[in-house]
Amino acid sequence: MAGRRYDLVPSCVADQYARHEETGDRIVTPESYTAELQQLMKDRPGIRVLVYDHAFVGNRAWFRFSFTWRDPSTGEPRCRAGMQSYRIVGGKLAEHGCRCSPWVRNGRMPKRKKRGPARRR
């Protein structure tokens, strides 16, 4: 995990960091968030984060991203994409919201079912 700067988390994350995620809402501390990041890096070795768009306006920030990594047990490529938004208070992350795509196997998004023409009633 060379190059990871977990020591920066306390200077970037508020004491009470609200996270609104797919699994529900929760509050984390800089210490617990650091532990989560460390576990994420362990569970997904070689994870790459690509940021496509971003903006910082006042006390808000957002970015559109994708994650790619290989499943450690099978070696299969995995990816996830989405958009994250943040509220910043006192120069630190205070609130986070995320909308993500479904989990993807083999580095490809699942095909959407084709819909026929709209039915008239």
PDB file of N, CA and C in Angstrom:
ATOM      1  N   MET A   1       0.825  -1.186   0.000  1.00  0.00           N
ATOM      2  CA  MET A   1       0.000   0.000   0.000  1.00  0.00           C
ATOM      3  C   MET A   1       0.862   1.240   0.000  1.00  0.00           C
ATOM      4  N   ALA A   2       1.975   1.149  -0.645  1.00  0.00           N
ATOM      5  CA  ALA A   2       2.877   2.290  -0.727  1.00  0.00           C
ATOM      6  C   ALA A   2       2.174   3.459  -1.403  1.00  0.00           C
ATOM      7  N   GLY A   3       2.435   4.649  -0.920  1.00  0.00           N
ATOM      8  CA  GLY A   3       1.880   5.846  -1.529  1.00  0.00           C
ATOM      9  C   GLY A   3       0.530   6.259  -0.978  1.00  0.00           C
ATOM     10  N   ARG A   4      -0.118   5.436  -0.173  1.00  0.00           N
ATOM     11  CA  ARG A   4      -1.411   5.806   0.411  1.00  0.00           C
ATOM     12  C   ARG A   4      -1.156   6.728   1.591  1.00  0.00           C
ATOM     13  N   ARG A   5      -1.834   7.858   1.615  1.00  0.00           N
ATOM     14  CA  ARG A   5      -1.612   8.860   2.663  1.00  0.00           C
ATOM     15  C   ARG A   5      -2.797   8.913   3.618  1.00  0.00           C
ATOM     16  N   TYR A   6      -2.976   7.861   4.384  1.00  0.00           N
ATOM     17  CA  TYR A   6      -4.074   7.801   5.341  1.00  0.00           C
ATOM     18  C   TYR A   6      -3.939   8.861   6.429  1.00  0.00           C
ATOM     19  N   ASP A   7      -2.725   9.353   6.640  1.00  0.00           N
ATOM     20  CA  ASP A   7      -2.506  10.383   7.654  1.00  0.00           C
ATOM     21  C   ASP A   7      -3.208  11.694   7.282  1.00  0.00           C
ATOM     22  N   LEU A   8      -3.618  11.846   6.023  1.00  0.00           N
ATOM     23  CA  LEU A   8      -4.308  13.061   5.592  1.00  0.00           C
ATOM     24  C   LEU A   8      -5.799  13.046   5.911  1.00  0.00           C
ATOM     25  N   VAL A   9      -6.369  11.890   6.183  1.00  0.00           N
ATOM     26  CA  VAL A   9      -7.815  11.783   6.398  1.00  0.00           C
ATOM     27  C   VAL A   9      -8.311  12.730   7.494  1.00  0.00           C
ATOM     28  N   PRO A  10      -7.692  12.815   8.671  1.00  0.00           N
ATOM     29  CA  PRO A  10      -8.211  13.722   9.693  1.00  0.00           C
ATOM     30  C   PRO A  10      -8.239  15.193   9.274  1.00  0.00           C
ATOM     31  N   SER A  11      -7.365  15.581   8.372  1.00  0.00           N
ATOM     32  CA  SER A  11      -7.369  16.980   7.921  1.00  0.00           C
ATOM     33  C   SER A  11      -8.388  17.217   6.810  1.00  0.00           C
ATOM     34  N   CYS A  12      -8.993  16.147   6.283  1.00  0.00           N
ATOM     35  CA  CYS A  12      -9.957  16.270   5.178  1.00  0.00           C
ATOM     36  C   CYS A  12     -11.384  15.901   5.559  1.00  0.00           C
ATOM     37  N   VAL A  13     -11.565  15.169   6.660  1.00  0.00           N
ATOM     38  CA  VAL A  13     -12.873  14.636   7.042  1.00  0.00           C
ATOM     39  C   VAL A  13     -13.299  15.229   8.382  1.00  0.00           C
ATOM     40  N   ALA A  14     -14.537  15.730   8.439  1.00  0.00           N
ATOM     41  CA  ALA A  14     -15.084  16.319   9.667  1.00  0.00           C
ATOM     42  C   ALA A  14     -15.205  15.252  10.760  1.00  0.00           C
ATOM     43  N   ASP A  15     -15.285  15.703  12.009  1.00  0.00           N
ATOM     44  CA  ASP A  15     -15.414  14.780  13.144  1.00  0.00           C
ATOM     45  C   ASP A  15     -16.662  13.905  13.022  1.00  0.00           C
ATOM     46  N   GLN A  16     -17.730  14.455  12.453  1.00  0.00           N
ATOM     47  CA  GLN A  16     -18.969  13.734  12.192  1.00  0.00           C
ATOM     48  C   GLN A  16     -19.220  13.797  10.688  1.00  0.00           C
ATOM     49  N   TYR A  17     -18.931  12.731   9.970  1.00  0.00           N
ATOM     50  CA  TYR A  17     -19.009  12.683   8.513  1.00  0.00           C
ATOM     51  C   TYR A  17     -20.223  11.835   8.129  1.00  0.00           C
ATOM     52  N   ALA A  18     -21.291  12.480   7.642  1.00  0.00           N
ATOM     53  CA  ALA A  18     -22.527  11.785   7.269  1.00  0.00           C
ATOM     54  C   ALA A  18     -22.367  11.173   5.884  1.00  0.00           C
ATOM     55  N   ARG A  19     -22.653   9.885   5.786  1.00  0.00           N
ATOM     56  CA  ARG A  19     -22.528   9.187   4.507  1.00  0.00           C
ATOM     57  C   ARG A  19     -23.879   8.571   4.144  1.00  0.00           C
ATOM     58  N   HIS A  20     -24.400   8.950   2.990  1.00  0.00           N
ATOM     59  CA  HIS A  20     -25.675   8.445   2.477  1.00  0.00           C
ATOM     60  C   HIS A  20     -25.336   7.495   1.330  1.00  0.00           C
ATOM     61  N   GLU A  21     -25.469   6.199   1.606  1.00  0.00           N
ATOM     62  CA  GLU A  21     -25.009   5.171   0.676  1.00  0.00           C
ATOM     63  C   GLU A  21     -26.127   4.198   0.362  1.00  0.00           C
ATOM     64  N   GLU A  22     -25.861   3.285  -0.551  1.00  0.00           N
ATOM     65  CA  GLU A  22     -26.857   2.288  -0.939  1.00  0.00           C
ATOM     66  C   GLU A  22     -27.321   1.453   0.251  1.00  0.00           C
ATOM     67  N   THR A  23     -26.433   1.213   1.176  1.00  0.00           N
ATOM     68  CA  THR A  23     -26.763   0.376   2.329  1.00  0.00           C
ATOM     69  C   THR A  23     -27.458   1.158   3.439  1.00  0.00           C
ATOM     70  N   GLY A  24     -27.571   2.480   3.278  1.00  0.00           N
ATOM     71  CA  GLY A  24     -28.246   3.304   4.274  1.00  0.00           C
ATOM     72  C   GLY A  24     -27.405   4.497   4.693  1.00  0.00           C
ATOM     73  N   ASP A  25     -27.939   5.245   5.620  1.00  0.00           N
ATOM     74  CA  ASP A  25     -27.265   6.438   6.130  1.00  0.00           C
ATOM     75  C   ASP A  25     -26.499   6.096   7.398  1.00  0.00           C
ATOM     76  N   ARG A  26     -25.353   6.736   7.560  1.00  0.00           N
ATOM     77  CA  ARG A  26     -24.548   6.502   8.762  1.00  0.00           C
ATOM     78  C   ARG A  26     -23.613   7.670   8.995  1.00  0.00           C
ATOM     79  N   ILE A  27     -23.089   7.745  10.182  1.00  0.00           N
ATOM     80  CA  ILE A  27     -22.104   8.763  10.563  1.00  0.00           C
ATOM     81  C   ILE A  27     -20.797   8.030  10.847  1.00  0.00           C
ATOM     82  N   VAL A  28     -19.691   8.536  10.286  1.00  0.00           N
ATOM     83  CA  VAL A  28     -18.378   7.956  10.562  1.00  0.00           C
ATOM     84  C   VAL A  28     -17.455   9.042  11.112  1.00  0.00           C
ATOM     85  N   THR A  29     -16.401   8.600  11.751  1.00  0.00           N
ATOM     86  CA  THR A  29     -15.367   9.504  12.250  1.00  0.00           C
ATOM     87  C   THR A  29     -14.168   9.416  11.314  1.00  0.00           C
ATOM     88  N   PRO A  30     -13.247  10.346  11.394  1.00  0.00           N
ATOM     89  CA  PRO A  30     -12.036  10.222  10.573  1.00  0.00           C
ATOM     90  C   PRO A  30     -11.307   8.893  10.811  1.00  0.00           C
ATOM     91  N   GLU A  31     -11.280   8.444  12.047  1.00  0.00           N
ATOM     92  CA  GLU A  31     -10.586   7.195  12.370  1.00  0.00           C
ATOM     93  C   GLU A  31     -11.278   5.991  11.743  1.00  0.00           C
ATOM     94  N   SER A  32     -12.618   5.928  11.872  1.00  0.00           N
ATOM     95  CA  SER A  32     -13.331   4.782  11.306  1.00  0.00           C
ATOM     96  C   SER A  32     -13.306   4.830   9.783  1.00  0.00           C
ATOM     97  N   TYR A  33     -13.327   6.035   9.201  1.00  0.00           N
ATOM     98  CA  TYR A  33     -13.260   6.157   7.744  1.00  0.00           C
ATOM     99  C   TYR A  33     -11.876   5.731   7.237  1.00  0.00           C
ATOM    100  N   THR A  34     -10.842   6.064   7.963  1.00  0.00           N
ATOM    101  CA  THR A  34      -9.487   5.623   7.603  1.00  0.00           C
ATOM    102  C   THR A  34      -9.430   4.093   7.577  1.00  0.00           C
ATOM    103  N   ALA A  35      -9.999   3.466   8.595  1.00  0.00           N
ATOM    104  CA  ALA A  35     -10.006   2.001   8.653  1.00  0.00           C
ATOM    105  C   ALA A  35     -10.773   1.413   7.465  1.00  0.00           C
ATOM    106  N   GLU A  36     -11.889   2.042   7.066  1.00  0.00           N
ATOM    107  CA  GLU A  36     -12.652   1.578   5.908  1.00  0.00           C
ATOM    108  C   GLU A  36     -11.824   1.670   4.627  1.00  0.00           C
ATOM    109  N   LEU A  37     -11.138   2.785   4.457  1.00  0.00           N
ATOM    110  CA  LEU A  37     -10.300   2.957   3.268  1.00  0.00           C
ATOM    111  C   LEU A  37      -9.189   1.911   3.222  1.00  0.00           C
ATOM    112  N   GLN A  38      -8.586   1.647   4.360  1.00  0.00           N
ATOM    113  CA  GLN A  38      -7.528   0.641   4.414  1.00  0.00           C
ATOM    114  C   GLN A  38      -8.072  -0.737   4.060  1.00  0.00           C
ATOM    115  N   GLN A  39      -9.262  -1.068   4.553  1.00  0.00           N
ATOM    116  CA  GLN A  39      -9.871  -2.364   4.250  1.00  0.00           C
ATOM    117  C   GLN A  39     -10.248  -2.450   2.771  1.00  0.00           C
ATOM    118  N   LEU A  40     -10.766  -1.351   2.223  1.00  0.00           N
ATOM    119  CA  LEU A  40     -11.110  -1.316   0.798  1.00  0.00           C
ATOM    120  C   LEU A  40      -9.893  -1.609  -0.065  1.00  0.00           C
ATOM    121  N   MET A  41      -8.756  -0.992   0.271  1.00  0.00           N
ATOM    122  CA  MET A  41      -7.534  -1.212  -0.502  1.00  0.00           C
ATOM    123  C   MET A  41      -7.043  -2.657  -0.365  1.00  0.00           C
ATOM    124  N   LYS A  42      -7.267  -3.235   0.791  1.00  0.00           N
ATOM    125  CA  LYS A  42      -6.870  -4.629   1.006  1.00  0.00           C
ATOM    126  C   LYS A  42      -7.776  -5.580   0.223  1.00  0.00           C
ATOM    127  N   ASP A  43      -9.085  -5.302   0.223  1.00  0.00           N
ATOM    128  CA  ASP A  43     -10.052  -6.157  -0.458  1.00  0.00           C
ATOM    129  C   ASP A  43      -9.994  -6.026  -1.984  1.00  0.00           C
ATOM    130  N   ARG A  44      -9.520  -4.876  -2.456  1.00  0.00           N
ATOM    131  CA  ARG A  44      -9.475  -4.627  -3.901  1.00  0.00           C
ATOM    132  C   ARG A  44      -8.074  -4.173  -4.308  1.00  0.00           C
ATOM    133  N   PRO A  45      -7.116  -5.070  -4.263  1.00  0.00           N
ATOM    134  CA  PRO A  45      -5.752  -4.668  -4.610  1.00  0.00           C
ATOM    135  C   PRO A  45      -5.683  -4.164  -6.046  1.00  0.00           C
ATOM    136  N   GLY A  46      -4.922  -3.120  -6.250  1.00  0.00           N
ATOM    137  CA  GLY A  46      -4.763  -2.565  -7.589  1.00  0.00           C
ATOM    138  C   GLY A  46      -5.950  -1.763  -8.084  1.00  0.00           C
ATOM    139  N   ILE A  47      -6.846  -1.378  -7.186  1.00  0.00           N
ATOM    140  CA  ILE A  47      -8.022  -0.605  -7.607  1.00  0.00           C
ATOM    141  C   ILE A  47      -7.583   0.695  -8.284  1.00  0.00           C
ATOM    142  N   ARG A  48      -8.265   1.030  -9.363  1.00  0.00           N
ATOM    143  CA  ARG A  48      -8.004   2.286 -10.065  1.00  0.00           C
ATOM    144  C   ARG A  48      -9.264   3.120 -10.007  1.00  0.00           C
ATOM    145  N   VAL A  49      -9.104   4.405  -9.756  1.00  0.00           N
ATOM    146  CA  VAL A  49     -10.227   5.339  -9.720  1.00  0.00           C
ATOM    147  C   VAL A  49     -10.032   6.318 -10.870  1.00  0.00           C
ATOM    148  N   LEU A  50     -11.020   6.389 -11.735  1.00  0.00           N
ATOM    149  CA  LEU A  50     -10.985   7.332 -12.846  1.00  0.00           C
ATOM    150  C   LEU A  50     -12.079   8.370 -12.629  1.00  0.00           C
ATOM    151  N   VAL A  51     -11.716   9.643 -12.655  1.00  0.00           N
ATOM    152  CA  VAL A  51     -12.681  10.726 -12.495  1.00  0.00           C
ATOM    153  C   VAL A  51     -12.894  11.369 -13.853  1.00  0.00           C
ATOM    154  N   TYR A  52     -14.157  11.409 -14.301  1.00  0.00           N
ATOM    155  CA  TYR A  52     -14.485  11.919 -15.629  1.00  0.00           C
ATOM    156  C   TYR A  52     -14.878  13.394 -15.606  1.00  0.00           C
ATOM    157  N   ASP A  53     -15.674  13.786 -14.651  1.00  0.00           N
ATOM    158  CA  ASP A  53     -16.141  15.167 -14.511  1.00  0.00           C
ATOM    159  C   ASP A  53     -16.096  15.518 -13.044  1.00  0.00           C
ATOM    160  N   HIS A  54     -15.944  16.785 -12.745  1.00  0.00           N
ATOM    161  CA  HIS A  54     -16.011  17.214 -11.356  1.00  0.00           C
ATOM    162  C   HIS A  54     -16.283  18.707 -11.298  1.00  0.00           C
ATOM    163  N   ALA A  55     -16.744  19.151 -10.141  1.00  0.00           N
ATOM    164  CA  ALA A  55     -16.958  20.582  -9.927  1.00  0.00           C
ATOM    165  C   ALA A  55     -16.883  20.865  -8.434  1.00  0.00           C
ATOM    166  N   PHE A  56     -16.398  22.041  -8.118  1.00  0.00           N
ATOM    167  CA  PHE A  56     -16.368  22.549  -6.745  1.00  0.00           C
ATOM    168  C   PHE A  56     -17.034  23.918  -6.781  1.00  0.00           C
ATOM    169  N   VAL A  57     -18.141  24.069  -6.072  1.00  0.00           N
ATOM    170  CA  VAL A  57     -18.872  25.331  -6.058  1.00  0.00           C
ATOM    171  C   VAL A  57     -19.265  25.628  -4.617  1.00  0.00           C
ATOM    172  N   GLY A  58     -18.723  26.714  -4.071  1.00  0.00           N
ATOM    173  CA  GLY A  58     -19.045  27.066  -2.683  1.00  0.00           C
ATOM    174  C   GLY A  58     -18.674  25.936  -1.746  1.00  0.00           C
ATOM    175  N   ASN A  59     -19.666  25.462  -0.986  1.00  0.00           N
ATOM    176  CA  ASN A  59     -19.404  24.378  -0.033  1.00  0.00           C
ATOM    177  C   ASN A  59     -19.861  23.021  -0.578  1.00  0.00           C
ATOM    178  N   ARG A  60     -19.950  22.918  -1.891  1.00  0.00           N
ATOM    179  CA  ARG A  60     -20.373  21.671  -2.532  1.00  0.00           C
ATOM    180  C   ARG A  60     -19.323  21.195  -3.528  1.00  0.00           C
ATOM    181  N   ALA A  61     -19.262  19.891  -3.701  1.00  0.00           N
ATOM    182  CA  ALA A  61     -18.383  19.292  -4.702  1.00  0.00           C
ATOM    183  C   ALA A  61     -19.068  18.036  -5.224  1.00  0.00           C
ATOM    184  N   TRP A  62     -18.775  17.667  -6.453  1.00  0.00           N
ATOM    185  CA  TRP A  62     -19.279  16.419  -7.002  1.00  0.00           C
ATOM    186  C   TRP A  62     -18.281  15.892  -8.024  1.00  0.00           C
ATOM    187  N   PHE A  63     -18.332  14.606  -8.247  1.00  0.00           N
ATOM    188  CA  PHE A  63     -17.558  14.032  -9.344  1.00  0.00           C
ATOM    189  C   PHE A  63     -18.211  12.759  -9.859  1.00  0.00           C
ATOM    190  N   ARG A  64     -17.994  12.493 -11.143  1.00  0.00           N
ATOM    191  CA  ARG A  64     -18.462  11.290 -11.816  1.00  0.00           C
ATOM    192  C   ARG A  64     -17.245  10.399 -11.986  1.00  0.00           C
ATOM    193  N   PHE A  65     -17.357   9.124 -11.664  1.00  0.00           N
ATOM    194  CA  PHE A  65     -16.186   8.264 -11.554  1.00  0.00           C
ATOM    195  C   PHE A  65     -16.462   6.845 -12.016  1.00  0.00           C
ATOM    196  N   SER A  66     -15.378   6.085 -12.128  1.00  0.00           N
ATOM    197  CA  SER A  66     -15.478   4.623 -12.226  1.00  0.00           C
ATOM    198  C   SER A  66     -14.330   4.024 -11.427  1.00  0.00           C
ATOM    199  N   PHE A  67     -14.591   2.851 -10.868  1.00  0.00           N
ATOM    200  CA  PHE A  67     -13.582   2.065 -10.164  1.00  0.00           C
ATOM    201  C   PHE A  67     -13.352   0.819 -11.000  1.00  0.00           C
ATOM    202  N   THR A  68     -12.115   0.385 -11.143  1.00  0.00           N
ATOM    203  CA  THR A  68     -11.820  -0.901 -11.769  1.00  0.00           C
ATOM    204  C   THR A  68     -10.818  -1.641 -10.887  1.00  0.00           C
ATOM    205  N   TRP A  69     -10.989  -2.945 -10.782  1.00  0.00           N
ATOM    206  CA  TRP A  69     -10.087  -3.787 -10.002  1.00  0.00           C
ATOM    207  C   TRP A  69     -10.306  -5.234 -10.424  1.00  0.00           C
ATOM    208  N   ARG A  70      -9.486  -6.128  -9.927  1.00  0.00           N
ATOM    209  CA  ARG A  70      -9.646  -7.566 -10.175  1.00  0.00           C
ATOM    210  C   ARG A  70     -10.059  -8.244  -8.876  1.00  0.00           C
ATOM    211  N   ASP A  71     -11.010  -9.142  -8.997  1.00  0.00           N
ATOM    212  CA  ASP A  71     -11.447  -9.908  -7.842  1.00  0.00           C
ATOM    213  C   ASP A  71     -10.246 -10.709  -7.338  1.00  0.00           C
ATOM    214  N   PRO A  72      -9.857 -10.528  -6.074  1.00  0.00           N
ATOM    215  CA  PRO A  72      -8.659 -11.205  -5.576  1.00  0.00           C
ATOM    216  C   PRO A  72      -8.743 -12.738  -5.597  1.00  0.00           C
ATOM    217  N   SER A  73      -9.947 -13.290  -5.481  1.00  0.00           N
ATOM    218  CA  SER A  73     -10.053 -14.755  -5.437  1.00  0.00           C
ATOM    219  C   SER A  73     -10.157 -15.384  -6.821  1.00  0.00           C
ATOM    220  N   THR A  74     -10.723 -14.667  -7.805  1.00  0.00           N
ATOM    221  CA  THR A  74     -10.907 -15.262  -9.129  1.00  0.00           C
ATOM    222  C   THR A  74     -10.059 -14.598 -10.211  1.00  0.00           C
ATOM    223  N   GLY A  75      -9.594 -13.378  -9.950  1.00  0.00           N
ATOM    224  CA  GLY A  75      -8.843 -12.637 -10.957  1.00  0.00           C
ATOM    225  C   GLY A  75      -9.721 -11.971 -12.003  1.00  0.00           C
ATOM    226  N   GLU A  76     -11.062 -12.160 -11.888  1.00  0.00           N
ATOM    227  CA  GLU A  76     -11.988 -11.542 -12.838  1.00  0.00           C
ATOM    228  C   GLU A  76     -11.971 -10.027 -12.707  1.00  0.00           C
ATOM    229  N   PRO A  77     -12.034  -9.314 -13.839  1.00  0.00           N
ATOM    230  CA  PRO A  77     -12.121  -7.859 -13.764  1.00  0.00           C
ATOM    231  C   PRO A  77     -13.473  -7.433 -13.201  1.00  0.00           C
ATOM    232  N   ARG A  78     -13.460  -6.385 -12.429  1.00  0.00           N
ATOM    233  CA  ARG A  78     -14.676  -5.806 -11.840  1.00  0.00           C
ATOM    234  C   ARG A  78     -14.658  -4.306 -12.091  1.00  0.00           C
ATOM    235  N   CYS A  79     -15.836  -3.724 -12.153  1.00  0.00           N
ATOM    236  CA  CYS A  79     -15.897  -2.267 -12.240  1.00  0.00           C
ATOM    237  C   CYS A  79     -17.209  -1.764 -11.668  1.00  0.00           C
ATOM    238  N   ARG A  80     -17.203  -0.519 -11.335  1.00  0.00           N
ATOM    239  CA  ARG A  80     -18.360   0.161 -10.766  1.00  0.00           C
ATOM    240  C   ARG A  80     -18.257   1.608 -11.185  1.00  0.00           C
ATOM    241  N   ALA A  81     -19.354   2.248 -11.479  1.00  0.00           N
ATOM    242  CA  ALA A  81     -19.335   3.649 -11.870  1.00  0.00           C
ATOM    243  C   ALA A  81     -20.458   4.371 -11.151  1.00  0.00           C
ATOM    244  N   GLY A  82     -20.308   5.687 -11.039  1.00  0.00           N
ATOM    245  CA  GLY A  82     -21.354   6.439 -10.378  1.00  0.00           C
ATOM    246  C   GLY A  82     -21.011   7.906 -10.247  1.00  0.00           C
ATOM    247  N   MET A  83     -21.773   8.549  -9.381  1.00  0.00           N
ATOM    248  CA  MET A  83     -21.571   9.965  -9.105  1.00  0.00           C
ATOM    249  C   MET A  83     -21.627  10.170  -7.601  1.00  0.00           C
ATOM    250  N   GLN A  84     -20.682  10.947  -7.088  1.00  0.00           N
ATOM    251  CA  GLN A  84     -20.648  11.253  -5.663  1.00  0.00           C
ATOM    252  C   GLN A  84     -20.746  12.755  -5.484  1.00  0.00           C
ATOM    253  N   SER A  85     -21.471  13.162  -4.451  1.00  0.00           N
ATOM    254  CA  SER A  85     -21.563  14.582  -4.118  1.00  0.00           C
ATOM    255  C   SER A  85     -21.188  14.761  -2.654  1.00  0.00           C
ATOM    256  N   TYR A  86     -20.670  15.945  -2.349  1.00  0.00           N
ATOM    257  CA  TYR A  86     -20.163  16.234  -1.000  1.00  0.00           C
ATOM    258  C   TYR A  86     -20.623  17.603  -0.539  1.00  0.00           C
ATOM    259  N   ARG A  87     -20.813  17.723   0.773  1.00  0.00           N
ATOM    260  CA  ARG A  87     -21.008  19.014   1.431  1.00  0.00           C
ATOM    261  C   ARG A  87     -19.771  19.237   2.276  1.00  0.00           C
ATOM    262  N   ILE A  88     -19.213  20.433   2.182  1.00  0.00           N
ATOM    263  CA  ILE A  88     -17.970  20.760   2.872  1.00  0.00           C
ATOM    264  C   ILE A  88     -18.244  21.804   3.941  1.00  0.00           C
ATOM    265  N   VAL A  89     -17.743  21.564   5.142  1.00  0.00           N
ATOM    266  CA  VAL A  89     -17.895  22.499   6.262  1.00  0.00           C
ATOM    267  C   VAL A  89     -16.519  22.719   6.870  1.00  0.00           C
ATOM    268  N   GLY A  90     -16.112  23.970   6.974  1.00  0.00           N
ATOM    269  CA  GLY A  90     -14.811  24.275   7.568  1.00  0.00           C
ATOM    270  C   GLY A  90     -13.659  23.645   6.808  1.00  0.00           C
ATOM    271  N   GLY A  91     -13.814  23.492   5.488  1.00  0.00           N
ATOM    272  CA  GLY A  91     -12.749  22.913   4.668  1.00  0.00           C
ATOM    273  C   GLY A  91     -12.637  21.397   4.748  1.00  0.00           C
ATOM    274  N   LYS A  92     -13.614  20.753   5.398  1.00  0.00           N
ATOM    275  CA  LYS A  92     -13.576  19.290   5.536  1.00  0.00           C
ATOM    276  C   LYS A  92     -14.860  18.666   5.020  1.00  0.00           C
ATOM    277  N   LEU A  93     -14.755  17.416   4.570  1.00  0.00           N
ATOM    278  CA  LEU A  93     -15.933  16.686   4.119  1.00  0.00           C
ATOM    279  C   LEU A  93     -16.855  16.438   5.298  1.00  0.00           C
ATOM    280  N   ALA A  94     -18.111  16.896   5.171  1.00  0.00           N
ATOM    281  CA  ALA A  94     -19.068  16.742   6.259  1.00  0.00           C
ATOM    282  C   ALA A  94     -20.224  15.830   5.882  1.00  0.00           C
ATOM    283  N   GLU A  95     -20.499  15.729   4.570  1.00  0.00           N
ATOM    284  CA  GLU A  95     -21.615  14.905   4.125  1.00  0.00           C
ATOM    285  C   GLU A  95     -21.319  14.377   2.724  1.00  0.00           C
ATOM    286  N   HIS A  96     -21.766  13.155   2.483  1.00  0.00           N
ATOM    287  CA  HIS A  96     -21.467  12.463   1.221  1.00  0.00           C
ATOM    288  C   HIS A  96     -22.720  11.737   0.744  1.00  0.00           C
ATOM    289  N   GLY A  97     -22.960  11.783  -0.550  1.00  0.00           N
ATOM    290  CA  GLY A  97     -24.033  11.010  -1.158  1.00  0.00           C
ATOM    291  C   GLY A  97     -23.496  10.338  -2.402  1.00  0.00           C
ATOM    292  N   CYS A  98     -23.978   9.141  -2.688  1.00  0.00           N
ATOM    293  CA  CYS A  98     -23.436   8.390  -3.825  1.00  0.00           C
ATOM    294  C   CYS A  98     -24.554   7.652  -4.548  1.00  0.00           C
ATOM    295  N   ARG A  99     -24.497   7.688  -5.867  1.00  0.00           N
ATOM    296  CA  ARG A  99     -25.360   6.890  -6.733  1.00  0.00           C
ATOM    297  C   ARG A  99     -24.428   6.068  -7.607  1.00  0.00           C
ATOM    298  N   CYS A 100     -24.549   4.756  -7.543  1.00  0.00           N
ATOM    299  CA  CYS A 100     -23.639   3.880  -8.286  1.00  0.00           C
ATOM    300  C   CYS A 100     -24.400   2.942  -9.197  1.00  0.00           C
ATOM    301  N   SER A 101     -23.687   2.484 -10.226  1.00  0.00           N
ATOM    302  CA  SER A 101     -24.207   1.456 -11.118  1.00  0.00           C
ATOM    303  C   SER A 101     -24.223   0.127 -10.372  1.00  0.00           C
ATOM    304  N   PRO A 102     -24.908  -0.859 -10.938  1.00  0.00           N
ATOM    305  CA  PRO A 102     -24.831  -2.195 -10.336  1.00  0.00           C
ATOM    306  C   PRO A 102     -23.390  -2.721 -10.404  1.00  0.00           C
ATOM    307  N   TRP A 103     -23.095  -3.713  -9.563  1.00  0.00           N
ATOM    308  CA  TRP A 103     -21.787  -4.364  -9.649  1.00  0.00           C
ATOM    309  C   TRP A 103     -21.656  -4.973 -11.020  1.00  0.00           C
ATOM    310  N   VAL A 104     -20.475  -4.899 -11.581  1.00  0.00           N
ATOM    311  CA  VAL A 104     -20.257  -5.367 -12.940  1.00  0.00           C
ATOM    312  C   VAL A 104     -19.171  -6.436 -12.940  1.00  0.00           C
ATOM    313  N   ARG A 105     -19.391  -7.493 -13.690  1.00  0.00           N
ATOM    314  CA  ARG A 105     -18.391  -8.549 -13.841  1.00  0.00           C
ATOM    315  C   ARG A 105     -17.738  -8.431 -15.207  1.00  0.00           C
ATOM    316  N   ASN A 106     -16.539  -8.906 -15.307  1.00  0.00           N
ATOM    317  CA  ASN A 106     -15.791  -8.925 -16.565  1.00  0.00           C
ATOM    318  C   ASN A 106     -15.588  -7.534 -17.162  1.00  0.00           C
ATOM    319  N   GLY A 107     -15.673  -6.508 -16.348  1.00  0.00           N
ATOM    320  CA  GLY A 107     -15.403  -5.159 -16.822  1.00  0.00           C
ATOM    321  C   GLY A 107     -16.446  -4.607 -17.769  1.00  0.00           C
ATOM    322  N   ARG A 108     -17.616  -5.238 -17.853  1.00  0.00           N
ATOM    323  CA  ARG A 108     -18.649  -4.769 -18.774  1.00  0.00           C
ATOM    324  C   ARG A 108     -19.954  -4.522 -18.035  1.00  0.00           C
ATOM    325  N   MET A 109     -20.639  -3.467 -18.438  1.00  0.00           N
ATOM    326  CA  MET A 109     -21.953  -3.198 -17.873  1.00  0.00           C
ATOM    327  C   MET A 109     -22.932  -4.229 -18.437  1.00  0.00           C
ATOM    328  N   PRO A 110     -23.929  -4.648 -17.619  1.00  0.00           N
ATOM    329  CA  PRO A 110     -24.914  -5.582 -18.144  1.00  0.00           C
ATOM    330  C   PRO A 110     -25.731  -4.906 -19.248  1.00  0.00           C
ATOM    331  N   LYS A 111     -26.127  -5.701 -20.232  1.00  0.00           N
ATOM    332  CA  LYS A 111     -26.932  -5.147 -21.321  1.00  0.00           C
ATOM    333  C   LYS A 111     -28.327  -4.853 -20.815  1.00  0.00           C
ATOM    334  N   ARG A 112     -28.837  -3.719 -21.250  1.00  0.00           N
ATOM    335  CA  ARG A 112     -30.214  -3.375 -20.898  1.00  0.00           C
ATOM    336  C   ARG A 112     -31.166  -4.141 -21.804  1.00  0.00           C
ATOM    337  N   LYS A 113     -32.301  -4.480 -21.243  1.00  0.00           N
ATOM    338  CA  LYS A 113     -33.317  -5.140 -22.052  1.00  0.00           C
ATOM    339  C   LYS A 113     -33.869  -4.113 -23.032  1.00  0.00           C
ATOM    340  N   LYS A 114     -34.000  -4.543 -24.270  1.00  0.00           N
ATOM    341  CA  LYS A 114     -34.566  -3.641 -25.267  1.00  0.00           C
ATOM    342  C   LYS A 114     -36.068  -3.582 -25.066  1.00  0.00           C
ATOM    343  N   ARG A 115     -36.564  -2.380 -25.127  1.00  0.00           N
ATOM    344  CA  ARG A 115     -38.009  -2.199 -24.994  1.00  0.00           C
ATOM    345  C   ARG A 115     -38.578  -1.924 -26.371  1.00  0.00           C
ATOM    346  N   GLY A 116     -39.702  -2.498 -26.603  1.00  0.00           N
ATOM    347  CA  GLY A 116     -40.390  -2.270 -27.869  1.00  0.00           C
ATOM    348  C   GLY A 116     -41.030  -0.889 -27.867  1.00  0.00           C
ATOM    349  N   PRO A 117     -41.713  -0.565 -28.942  1.00  0.00           N
ATOM    350  CA  PRO A 117     -42.383   0.729 -29.000  1.00  0.00           C
ATOM    351  C   PRO A 117     -43.425   0.850 -27.903  1.00  0.00           C
ATOM    352  N   ALA A 118     -43.660   2.055 -27.457  1.00  0.00           N
ATOM    353  CA  ALA A 118     -44.658   2.282 -26.404  1.00  0.00           C
ATOM    354  C   ALA A 118     -46.025   1.860 -26.889  1.00  0.00           C
ATOM    355  N   ARG A 119     -46.757   1.224 -26.003  1.00  0.00           N
ATOM    356  CA  ARG A 119     -48.109   0.801 -26.360  1.00  0.00           C
ATOM    357  C   ARG A 119     -49.074   1.964 -26.197  1.00  0.00           C
ATOM    358  N   ARG A 120     -50.007   2.032 -27.107  1.00  0.00           N
ATOM    359  CA  ARG A 120     -51.053   3.057 -26.989  1.00  0.00           C
ATOM    360  C   ARG A 120     -52.244   2.454 -26.296  1.00  0.00           C
ATOM    361  N   ARG A 121     -52.846   3.251 -25.465  1.00  0.00           N
ATOM    362  CA  ARG A 121     -54.052   2.768 -24.755  1.00  0.00           C
ATOM    363  C   ARG A 121     -55.273   3.372 -25.322  1.00  0.00           C
TER     364      ARG A 121
END
